[in-house]
Amino acid sequence: MSIPFVIWTFRRTGGTTLTDLMMDLSEHPRIDQEPFNWDRCFGAVSKHWFETRDTARLEADLDALLADTPLIKHCHELHPDGFNDALFAAAHRHGYRQLVLDRRDEVGRMLSLELAQMTGAWGKMGSAERYARVERGDDVLPPIDIPAALGHMRLCQARRHALRARIDAAGVPVPVVLFEDLYTCPIEEGRPRVRAILQDLGLTRNDPAGVRQRITQALRWRGQGSARILPFVPNLDAARDALAAEVAGWGDPVF
């Protein structure tokens, strides 16, 4: 029997690809990724808490949902700390393994997020045509709202610190996986790292050859090629410089 999991991540960290692989290999229920977003299957729970701040009700709702051990990828920058606190505690009560998936290159992540919001291309499907429209000049990208991007980057860093405090207070081991160690290195280096994650969750017990093939496919299905349209962002250099200056002031990484 494999272990149910919660992946704590941010948008544009490769979480969709990794989660798809892990969900496919698990016998626990597969649900929407980011299920607590308001437009997803468990969104009513997070929306009710946001509107009422009824923590006792939230804890009861989470206990009822997690009793069925659904598999969860959670982009925690989209939810307040109070909700994230309750989800972390509930997952621990129900025997979930919790993992952190983050990205060293915070500037690259933010620029990728800005492009996704501009183009609507959140995955590989349909992204090539959207990018081609930009390259042909059919679609014109707007400038990045630098103050808003900086504000979101700071919010994400605050969420990192909150998650770090949550983990330290719980005193439980929480593996940390970084985007670059899976997707921007040679497949021969990424493959054993993915396998170690799967083994830790009991997801490699059947058909080892098939698991190897799935890992390889997942690592090849990396990136949308969005960097090719970055030069079409009117204020790219100014945005990149501002984001880099912000990160430079953070000091040591949280994870």
C-alpha atoms as a PDB file:
ATOM      1  CA  MET A   1       0.000   0.000   0.000  1.00  0.00           C
ATOM      2  CA  SER A   2       1.457   3.353  -0.985  1.00  0.00           C
ATOM      3  CA  ILE A   3       1.362   6.483   1.144  1.00  0.00           C
ATOM      4  CA  PRO A   4      -1.022   9.355   0.323  1.00  0.00           C
ATOM      5  CA  PHE A   5       0.704  12.678  -0.248  1.00  0.00           C
ATOM      6  CA  VAL A   6       0.357  16.443  -0.248  1.00  0.00           C
ATOM      7  CA  ILE A   7       2.780  18.382  -2.467  1.00  0.00           C
ATOM      8  CA  TRP A   8       3.304  21.939  -1.230  1.00  0.00           C
ATOM      9  CA  THR A   9       4.349  23.997  -4.217  1.00  0.00           C
ATOM     10  CA  PHE A  10       3.986  27.198  -6.217  1.00  0.00           C
ATOM     11  CA  ARG A  11       2.794  27.748  -9.740  1.00  0.00           C
ATOM     12  CA  ARG A  12       5.492  27.285 -12.421  1.00  0.00           C
ATOM     13  CA  THR A  13       7.592  24.745 -10.517  1.00  0.00           C
ATOM     14  CA  GLY A  14       6.860  21.654 -12.636  1.00  0.00           C
ATOM     15  CA  GLY A  15       4.340  20.380 -10.114  1.00  0.00           C
ATOM     16  CA  THR A  16       1.743  19.320 -12.655  1.00  0.00           C
ATOM     17  CA  THR A  17       4.121  16.933 -14.418  1.00  0.00           C
ATOM     18  CA  LEU A  18       5.460  15.385 -11.202  1.00  0.00           C
ATOM     19  CA  THR A  19       2.007  15.091  -9.645  1.00  0.00           C
ATOM     20  CA  ASP A  20       0.537  13.438 -12.736  1.00  0.00           C
ATOM     21  CA  LEU A  21       3.229  10.753 -12.554  1.00  0.00           C
ATOM     22  CA  MET A  22       2.757  10.186  -8.823  1.00  0.00           C
ATOM     23  CA  MET A  23      -1.023  10.061  -9.098  1.00  0.00           C
ATOM     24  CA  ASP A  24      -0.840   7.557 -11.963  1.00  0.00           C
ATOM     25  CA  LEU A  25       1.262   5.187  -9.842  1.00  0.00           C
ATOM     26  CA  SER A  26      -0.847   5.467  -6.675  1.00  0.00           C
ATOM     27  CA  GLU A  27      -3.956   3.525  -5.756  1.00  0.00           C
ATOM     28  CA  HIS A  28      -5.301   6.443  -3.682  1.00  0.00           C
ATOM     29  CA  PRO A  29      -8.085   8.570  -5.191  1.00  0.00           C
ATOM     30  CA  ARG A  30      -7.051  10.979  -7.939  1.00  0.00           C
ATOM     31  CA  ILE A  31      -8.788  14.358  -7.874  1.00  0.00           C
ATOM     32  CA  ASP A  32      -8.287  17.814  -9.381  1.00  0.00           C
ATOM     33  CA  GLN A  33      -4.834  19.243  -8.947  1.00  0.00           C
ATOM     34  CA  GLU A  34      -4.983  22.260  -6.634  1.00  0.00           C
ATOM     35  CA  PRO A  35      -8.356  20.999  -5.367  1.00  0.00           C
ATOM     36  CA  PHE A  36      -8.843  23.823  -2.835  1.00  0.00           C
ATOM     37  CA  ASN A  37      -8.852  26.563  -5.479  1.00  0.00           C
ATOM     38  CA  TRP A  38     -12.352  27.956  -5.452  1.00  0.00           C
ATOM     39  CA  ASP A  39     -13.211  26.627  -8.907  1.00  0.00           C
ATOM     40  CA  ARG A  40     -12.024  23.078  -8.107  1.00  0.00           C
ATOM     41  CA  CYS A  41     -13.578  20.063  -6.424  1.00  0.00           C
ATOM     42  CA  PHE A  42     -12.865  21.074  -2.785  1.00  0.00           C
ATOM     43  CA  GLY A  43     -13.120  24.805  -3.396  1.00  0.00           C
ATOM     44  CA  ALA A  44     -16.279  25.191  -1.338  1.00  0.00           C
ATOM     45  CA  VAL A  45     -14.325  24.217   1.789  1.00  0.00           C
ATOM     46  CA  SER A  46     -11.630  26.869   1.377  1.00  0.00           C
ATOM     47  CA  LYS A  47     -14.136  29.480   0.215  1.00  0.00           C
ATOM     48  CA  HIS A  48     -16.354  28.892   3.279  1.00  0.00           C
ATOM     49  CA  TRP A  49     -13.377  29.277   5.609  1.00  0.00           C
ATOM     50  CA  PHE A  50     -12.224  32.431   3.800  1.00  0.00           C
ATOM     51  CA  GLU A  51     -15.664  33.990   4.220  1.00  0.00           C
ATOM     52  CA  THR A  52     -16.338  32.868   7.813  1.00  0.00           C
ATOM     53  CA  ARG A  53     -12.919  32.093   9.356  1.00  0.00           C
ATOM     54  CA  ASP A  54     -14.689  29.192  11.094  1.00  0.00           C
ATOM     55  CA  THR A  55     -11.595  27.132  11.911  1.00  0.00           C
ATOM     56  CA  ALA A  56     -13.492  24.410  13.768  1.00  0.00           C
ATOM     57  CA  ARG A  57     -15.674  23.843  10.700  1.00  0.00           C
ATOM     58  CA  LEU A  58     -12.606  23.885   8.459  1.00  0.00           C
ATOM     59  CA  GLU A  59     -10.857  21.236  10.554  1.00  0.00           C
ATOM     60  CA  ALA A  60     -13.960  19.034  10.459  1.00  0.00           C
ATOM     61  CA  ASP A  61     -14.320  19.483   6.696  1.00  0.00           C
ATOM     62  CA  LEU A  62     -10.666  18.651   6.094  1.00  0.00           C
ATOM     63  CA  ASP A  63     -10.878  15.562   8.308  1.00  0.00           C
ATOM     64  CA  ALA A  64     -13.883  14.350   6.327  1.00  0.00           C
ATOM     65  CA  LEU A  65     -12.150  14.931   2.990  1.00  0.00           C
ATOM     66  CA  LEU A  66      -8.771  13.454   3.920  1.00  0.00           C
ATOM     67  CA  ALA A  67     -10.306  10.358   5.482  1.00  0.00           C
ATOM     68  CA  ASP A  68     -10.644   9.107   1.887  1.00  0.00           C
ATOM     69  CA  THR A  69      -6.905   9.836   1.287  1.00  0.00           C
ATOM     70  CA  PRO A  70      -7.217  11.796  -1.990  1.00  0.00           C
ATOM     71  CA  LEU A  71      -3.899  12.838  -3.524  1.00  0.00           C
ATOM     72  CA  ILE A  72      -3.236  16.563  -3.312  1.00  0.00           C
ATOM     73  CA  LYS A  73      -1.045  19.114  -5.040  1.00  0.00           C
ATOM     74  CA  HIS A  74      -1.465  22.422  -3.252  1.00  0.00           C
ATOM     75  CA  CYS A  75      -0.194  25.777  -4.539  1.00  0.00           C
ATOM     76  CA  HIS A  76       0.016  27.425  -1.145  1.00  0.00           C
ATOM     77  CA  GLU A  77       0.642  30.963  -2.365  1.00  0.00           C
ATOM     78  CA  LEU A  78      -3.036  31.030  -3.381  1.00  0.00           C
ATOM     79  CA  HIS A  79      -4.338  30.413   0.161  1.00  0.00           C
ATOM     80  CA  PRO A  80      -3.961  32.311   3.451  1.00  0.00           C
ATOM     81  CA  ASP A  81      -1.685  30.992   6.176  1.00  0.00           C
ATOM     82  CA  GLY A  82      -4.610  30.033   8.400  1.00  0.00           C
ATOM     83  CA  PHE A  83      -5.976  27.684   5.774  1.00  0.00           C
ATOM     84  CA  ASN A  84      -2.524  26.274   5.064  1.00  0.00           C
ATOM     85  CA  ASP A  85      -1.959  25.692   8.782  1.00  0.00           C
ATOM     86  CA  ALA A  86      -5.161  23.657   8.997  1.00  0.00           C
ATOM     87  CA  LEU A  87      -4.386  21.621   5.874  1.00  0.00           C
ATOM     88  CA  PHE A  88      -0.866  20.776   7.062  1.00  0.00           C
ATOM     89  CA  ALA A  89      -2.176  19.643  10.459  1.00  0.00           C
ATOM     90  CA  ALA A  90      -5.010  17.605   8.942  1.00  0.00           C
ATOM     91  CA  ALA A  91      -2.674  15.861   6.502  1.00  0.00           C
ATOM     92  CA  HIS A  92      -0.374  14.966   9.393  1.00  0.00           C
ATOM     93  CA  ARG A  93      -3.303  13.552  11.395  1.00  0.00           C
ATOM     94  CA  HIS A  94      -4.328  11.354   8.480  1.00  0.00           C
ATOM     95  CA  GLY A  95      -0.900   9.878   7.820  1.00  0.00           C
ATOM     96  CA  TYR A  96      -0.051  11.798   4.671  1.00  0.00           C
ATOM     97  CA  ARG A  97       3.517  12.224   3.499  1.00  0.00           C
ATOM     98  CA  GLN A  98       4.081  15.911   2.824  1.00  0.00           C
ATOM     99  CA  LEU A  99       6.627  17.138   0.261  1.00  0.00           C
ATOM    100  CA  VAL A 100       7.871  20.558  -0.783  1.00  0.00           C
ATOM    101  CA  LEU A 101       8.442  21.277  -4.476  1.00  0.00           C
ATOM    102  CA  ASP A 102      10.148  24.619  -5.067  1.00  0.00           C
ATOM    103  CA  ARG A 103      12.438  26.307  -7.580  1.00  0.00           C
ATOM    104  CA  ARG A 104      15.840  27.879  -7.024  1.00  0.00           C
ATOM    105  CA  ASP A 105      15.435  30.349  -9.886  1.00  0.00           C
ATOM    106  CA  GLU A 106      12.725  32.542  -8.414  1.00  0.00           C
ATOM    107  CA  VAL A 107      13.167  35.175 -11.114  1.00  0.00           C
ATOM    108  CA  GLY A 108      12.687  32.552 -13.841  1.00  0.00           C
ATOM    109  CA  ARG A 109       9.618  31.209 -12.047  1.00  0.00           C
ATOM    110  CA  MET A 110       8.061  34.660 -11.800  1.00  0.00           C
ATOM    111  CA  LEU A 111       8.726  35.477 -15.447  1.00  0.00           C
ATOM    112  CA  SER A 112       7.199  32.136 -16.438  1.00  0.00           C
ATOM    113  CA  LEU A 113       4.167  32.939 -14.298  1.00  0.00           C
ATOM    114  CA  GLU A 114       3.809  36.352 -15.925  1.00  0.00           C
ATOM    115  CA  LEU A 115       3.905  34.759 -19.404  1.00  0.00           C
ATOM    116  CA  ALA A 116       1.320  32.152 -18.412  1.00  0.00           C
ATOM    117  CA  GLN A 117      -1.014  34.866 -17.152  1.00  0.00           C
ATOM    118  CA  MET A 118      -0.518  36.938 -20.315  1.00  0.00           C
ATOM    119  CA  THR A 119      -0.997  34.098 -22.805  1.00  0.00           C
ATOM    120  CA  GLY A 120      -3.285  31.704 -20.924  1.00  0.00           C
ATOM    121  CA  ALA A 121      -0.812  28.887 -21.659  1.00  0.00           C
ATOM    122  CA  TRP A 122      -0.556  26.976 -18.370  1.00  0.00           C
ATOM    123  CA  GLY A 123       0.538  23.641 -19.863  1.00  0.00           C
ATOM    124  CA  LYS A 124       1.969  22.215 -23.067  1.00  0.00           C
ATOM    125  CA  MET A 125      -1.433  21.703 -24.667  1.00  0.00           C
ATOM    126  CA  GLY A 126      -2.149  24.682 -26.883  1.00  0.00           C
ATOM    127  CA  SER A 127       0.961  26.586 -25.824  1.00  0.00           C
ATOM    128  CA  ALA A 128       2.777  26.216 -29.165  1.00  0.00           C
ATOM    129  CA  GLU A 129       0.006  27.959 -31.087  1.00  0.00           C
ATOM    130  CA  ARG A 130      -0.301  30.738 -28.507  1.00  0.00           C
ATOM    131  CA  TYR A 131       3.427  31.362 -28.647  1.00  0.00           C
ATOM    132  CA  ALA A 132       3.393  31.270 -32.456  1.00  0.00           C
ATOM    133  CA  ARG A 133       0.735  33.996 -32.466  1.00  0.00           C
ATOM    134  CA  VAL A 134       3.031  36.179 -30.371  1.00  0.00           C
ATOM    135  CA  GLU A 135       5.998  35.481 -32.642  1.00  0.00           C
ATOM    136  CA  ARG A 136       3.968  36.329 -35.757  1.00  0.00           C
ATOM    137  CA  GLY A 137       2.771  39.566 -34.192  1.00  0.00           C
ATOM    138  CA  ASP A 138      -0.883  38.474 -34.109  1.00  0.00           C
ATOM    139  CA  ASP A 139      -0.878  38.872 -30.322  1.00  0.00           C
ATOM    140  CA  VAL A 140       1.070  41.638 -28.591  1.00  0.00           C
ATOM    141  CA  LEU A 141       2.268  41.026 -25.047  1.00  0.00           C
ATOM    142  CA  PRO A 142       1.683  43.818 -22.530  1.00  0.00           C
ATOM    143  CA  PRO A 143       4.432  45.055 -20.216  1.00  0.00           C
ATOM    144  CA  ILE A 144       4.841  43.269 -16.904  1.00  0.00           C
ATOM    145  CA  ASP A 145       3.263  45.102 -13.969  1.00  0.00           C
ATOM    146  CA  ILE A 146       6.504  45.238 -12.002  1.00  0.00           C
ATOM    147  CA  PRO A 147       5.079  46.420  -8.635  1.00  0.00           C
ATOM    148  CA  ALA A 148       2.434  43.669  -8.773  1.00  0.00           C
ATOM    149  CA  ALA A 149       5.037  41.035  -9.703  1.00  0.00           C
ATOM    150  CA  LEU A 150       7.262  42.155  -6.828  1.00  0.00           C
ATOM    151  CA  GLY A 151       4.301  42.038  -4.468  1.00  0.00           C
ATOM    152  CA  HIS A 152       3.469  38.491  -5.498  1.00  0.00           C
ATOM    153  CA  MET A 153       7.101  37.433  -5.202  1.00  0.00           C
ATOM    154  CA  ARG A 154       7.202  38.775  -1.630  1.00  0.00           C
ATOM    155  CA  LEU A 155       3.969  36.971  -0.825  1.00  0.00           C
ATOM    156  CA  CYS A 156       5.486  33.696  -2.057  1.00  0.00           C
ATOM    157  CA  GLN A 157       8.573  34.236   0.073  1.00  0.00           C
ATOM    158  CA  ALA A 158       6.365  34.850   3.113  1.00  0.00           C
ATOM    159  CA  ARG A 159       4.540  31.594   2.338  1.00  0.00           C
ATOM    160  CA  ARG A 160       7.897  29.784   2.220  1.00  0.00           C
ATOM    161  CA  HIS A 161       8.807  31.045   5.655  1.00  0.00           C
ATOM    162  CA  ALA A 162       5.387  30.093   7.015  1.00  0.00           C
ATOM    163  CA  LEU A 163       5.717  26.570   5.606  1.00  0.00           C
ATOM    164  CA  ARG A 164       9.231  26.255   7.038  1.00  0.00           C
ATOM    165  CA  ALA A 165       7.900  27.254  10.467  1.00  0.00           C
ATOM    166  CA  ARG A 166       5.034  24.763  10.126  1.00  0.00           C
ATOM    167  CA  ILE A 167       7.441  21.939   9.308  1.00  0.00           C
ATOM    168  CA  ASP A 168       9.850  22.842  12.116  1.00  0.00           C
ATOM    169  CA  ALA A 169       7.034  23.053  14.678  1.00  0.00           C
ATOM    170  CA  ALA A 170       5.647  19.661  13.636  1.00  0.00           C
ATOM    171  CA  GLY A 171       9.055  18.012  13.873  1.00  0.00           C
ATOM    172  CA  VAL A 172       8.282  15.655  11.005  1.00  0.00           C
ATOM    173  CA  PRO A 173      10.535  14.914   8.022  1.00  0.00           C
ATOM    174  CA  VAL A 174       9.345  16.706   4.897  1.00  0.00           C
ATOM    175  CA  PRO A 175      11.393  16.042   1.750  1.00  0.00           C
ATOM    176  CA  VAL A 176      12.279  19.074  -0.373  1.00  0.00           C
ATOM    177  CA  VAL A 177      12.474  18.697  -4.155  1.00  0.00           C
ATOM    178  CA  LEU A 178      13.774  21.477  -6.396  1.00  0.00           C
ATOM    179  CA  PHE A 179      12.685  22.075  -9.983  1.00  0.00           C
ATOM    180  CA  GLU A 180      16.245  22.373 -11.250  1.00  0.00           C
ATOM    181  CA  ASP A 181      17.224  18.976  -9.812  1.00  0.00           C
ATOM    182  CA  LEU A 182      14.529  17.308 -11.910  1.00  0.00           C
ATOM    183  CA  TYR A 183      13.910  19.295 -15.062  1.00  0.00           C
ATOM    184  CA  THR A 184      16.954  21.383 -15.990  1.00  0.00           C
ATOM    185  CA  CYS A 185      19.575  18.685 -15.487  1.00  0.00           C
ATOM    186  CA  PRO A 186      20.327  15.691 -17.763  1.00  0.00           C
ATOM    187  CA  ILE A 187      17.634  13.017 -17.641  1.00  0.00           C
ATOM    188  CA  GLU A 188      20.236  10.550 -16.336  1.00  0.00           C
ATOM    189  CA  GLU A 189      20.569  12.748 -13.230  1.00  0.00           C
ATOM    190  CA  GLY A 190      16.903  13.543 -12.816  1.00  0.00           C
ATOM    191  CA  ARG A 191      15.675   9.968 -13.159  1.00  0.00           C
ATOM    192  CA  PRO A 192      17.155   8.590  -9.895  1.00  0.00           C
ATOM    193  CA  ARG A 193      15.920  11.645  -8.021  1.00  0.00           C
ATOM    194  CA  VAL A 194      12.364  11.058  -9.201  1.00  0.00           C
ATOM    195  CA  ARG A 195      12.682   7.342  -8.438  1.00  0.00           C
ATOM    196  CA  ALA A 196      13.778   8.149  -4.868  1.00  0.00           C
ATOM    197  CA  ILE A 197      10.641  10.276  -4.406  1.00  0.00           C
ATOM    198  CA  LEU A 198       8.447   7.478  -5.721  1.00  0.00           C
ATOM    199  CA  GLN A 199      10.158   4.834  -3.604  1.00  0.00           C
ATOM    200  CA  ASP A 200       9.689   6.935  -0.473  1.00  0.00           C
ATOM    201  CA  LEU A 201       5.944   6.870  -1.131  1.00  0.00           C
ATOM    202  CA  GLY A 202       5.794   3.182  -2.023  1.00  0.00           C
ATOM    203  CA  LEU A 203       4.977   3.927  -5.662  1.00  0.00           C
ATOM    204  CA  THR A 204       7.527   1.665  -7.378  1.00  0.00           C
ATOM    205  CA  ARG A 205       6.462  -1.744  -6.126  1.00  0.00           C
ATOM    206  CA  ASN A 206       4.961  -3.001  -9.368  1.00  0.00           C
ATOM    207  CA  ASP A 207       6.453  -3.145 -12.873  1.00  0.00           C
ATOM    208  CA  PRO A 208       9.897  -1.513 -12.320  1.00  0.00           C
ATOM    209  CA  ALA A 209      10.534  -1.372 -16.078  1.00  0.00           C
ATOM    210  CA  GLY A 210       7.273   0.461 -16.622  1.00  0.00           C
ATOM    211  CA  VAL A 211       8.077   2.898 -13.827  1.00  0.00           C
ATOM    212  CA  ARG A 212      11.428   3.712 -15.454  1.00  0.00           C
ATOM    213  CA  GLN A 213       9.673   4.453 -18.737  1.00  0.00           C
ATOM    214  CA  ARG A 214       7.103   6.682 -17.025  1.00  0.00           C
ATOM    215  CA  ILE A 215       9.834   8.638 -15.248  1.00  0.00           C
ATOM    216  CA  THR A 216      11.692   9.178 -18.506  1.00  0.00           C
ATOM    217  CA  GLN A 217       8.520  10.340 -20.240  1.00  0.00           C
ATOM    218  CA  ALA A 218       7.774  12.767 -17.416  1.00  0.00           C
ATOM    219  CA  LEU A 219      11.248  14.276 -17.527  1.00  0.00           C
ATOM    220  CA  ARG A 220      11.113  14.659 -21.298  1.00  0.00           C
ATOM    221  CA  TRP A 221       7.729  16.371 -21.015  1.00  0.00           C
ATOM    222  CA  ARG A 222       9.408  19.330 -19.389  1.00  0.00           C
ATOM    223  CA  GLY A 223       8.930  22.961 -20.125  1.00  0.00           C
ATOM    224  CA  GLN A 224       6.671  24.689 -22.598  1.00  0.00           C
ATOM    225  CA  GLY A 225       9.384  26.647 -24.365  1.00  0.00           C
ATOM    226  CA  SER A 226       7.946  29.900 -23.075  1.00  0.00           C
ATOM    227  CA  ALA A 227      11.428  31.466 -22.921  1.00  0.00           C
ATOM    228  CA  ARG A 228      11.239  31.925 -26.685  1.00  0.00           C
ATOM    229  CA  ILE A 229       8.618  34.643 -26.290  1.00  0.00           C
ATOM    230  CA  LEU A 230      10.264  36.470 -23.395  1.00  0.00           C
ATOM    231  CA  PRO A 231      11.947  38.903 -25.846  1.00  0.00           C
ATOM    232  CA  PHE A 232       8.455  40.033 -26.879  1.00  0.00           C
ATOM    233  CA  VAL A 233       7.763  41.424 -23.381  1.00  0.00           C
ATOM    234  CA  PRO A 234       8.246  45.196 -23.774  1.00  0.00           C
ATOM    235  CA  ASN A 235       9.858  45.819 -20.364  1.00  0.00           C
ATOM    236  CA  LEU A 236      11.584  42.471 -19.911  1.00  0.00           C
ATOM    237  CA  ASP A 237      14.974  43.844 -18.872  1.00  0.00           C
ATOM    238  CA  ALA A 238      13.502  46.241 -16.309  1.00  0.00           C
ATOM    239  CA  ALA A 239      11.276  43.517 -14.873  1.00  0.00           C
ATOM    240  CA  ARG A 240      14.092  40.978 -14.672  1.00  0.00           C
ATOM    241  CA  ASP A 241      16.399  43.495 -12.995  1.00  0.00           C
ATOM    242  CA  ALA A 242      13.769  44.475 -10.417  1.00  0.00           C
ATOM    243  CA  LEU A 243      12.944  40.857  -9.580  1.00  0.00           C
ATOM    244  CA  ALA A 244      16.627  39.929  -9.324  1.00  0.00           C
ATOM    245  CA  ALA A 245      17.310  42.866  -6.989  1.00  0.00           C
ATOM    246  CA  GLU A 246      14.480  41.722  -4.737  1.00  0.00           C
ATOM    247  CA  VAL A 247      15.806  38.167  -4.536  1.00  0.00           C
ATOM    248  CA  ALA A 248      19.336  39.415  -3.866  1.00  0.00           C
ATOM    249  CA  GLY A 249      18.112  40.944  -0.614  1.00  0.00           C
ATOM    250  CA  TRP A 250      16.616  37.732   0.738  1.00  0.00           C
ATOM    251  CA  GLY A 251      19.772  36.051   1.978  1.00  0.00           C
ATOM    252  CA  ASP A 252      19.942  32.282   2.408  1.00  0.00           C
ATOM    253  CA  PRO A 253      17.238  30.108   0.780  1.00  0.00           C
ATOM    254  CA  VAL A 254      14.378  28.959   2.987  1.00  0.00           C
ATOM    255  CA  PHE A 255      14.553  25.450   1.487  1.00  0.00           C
END
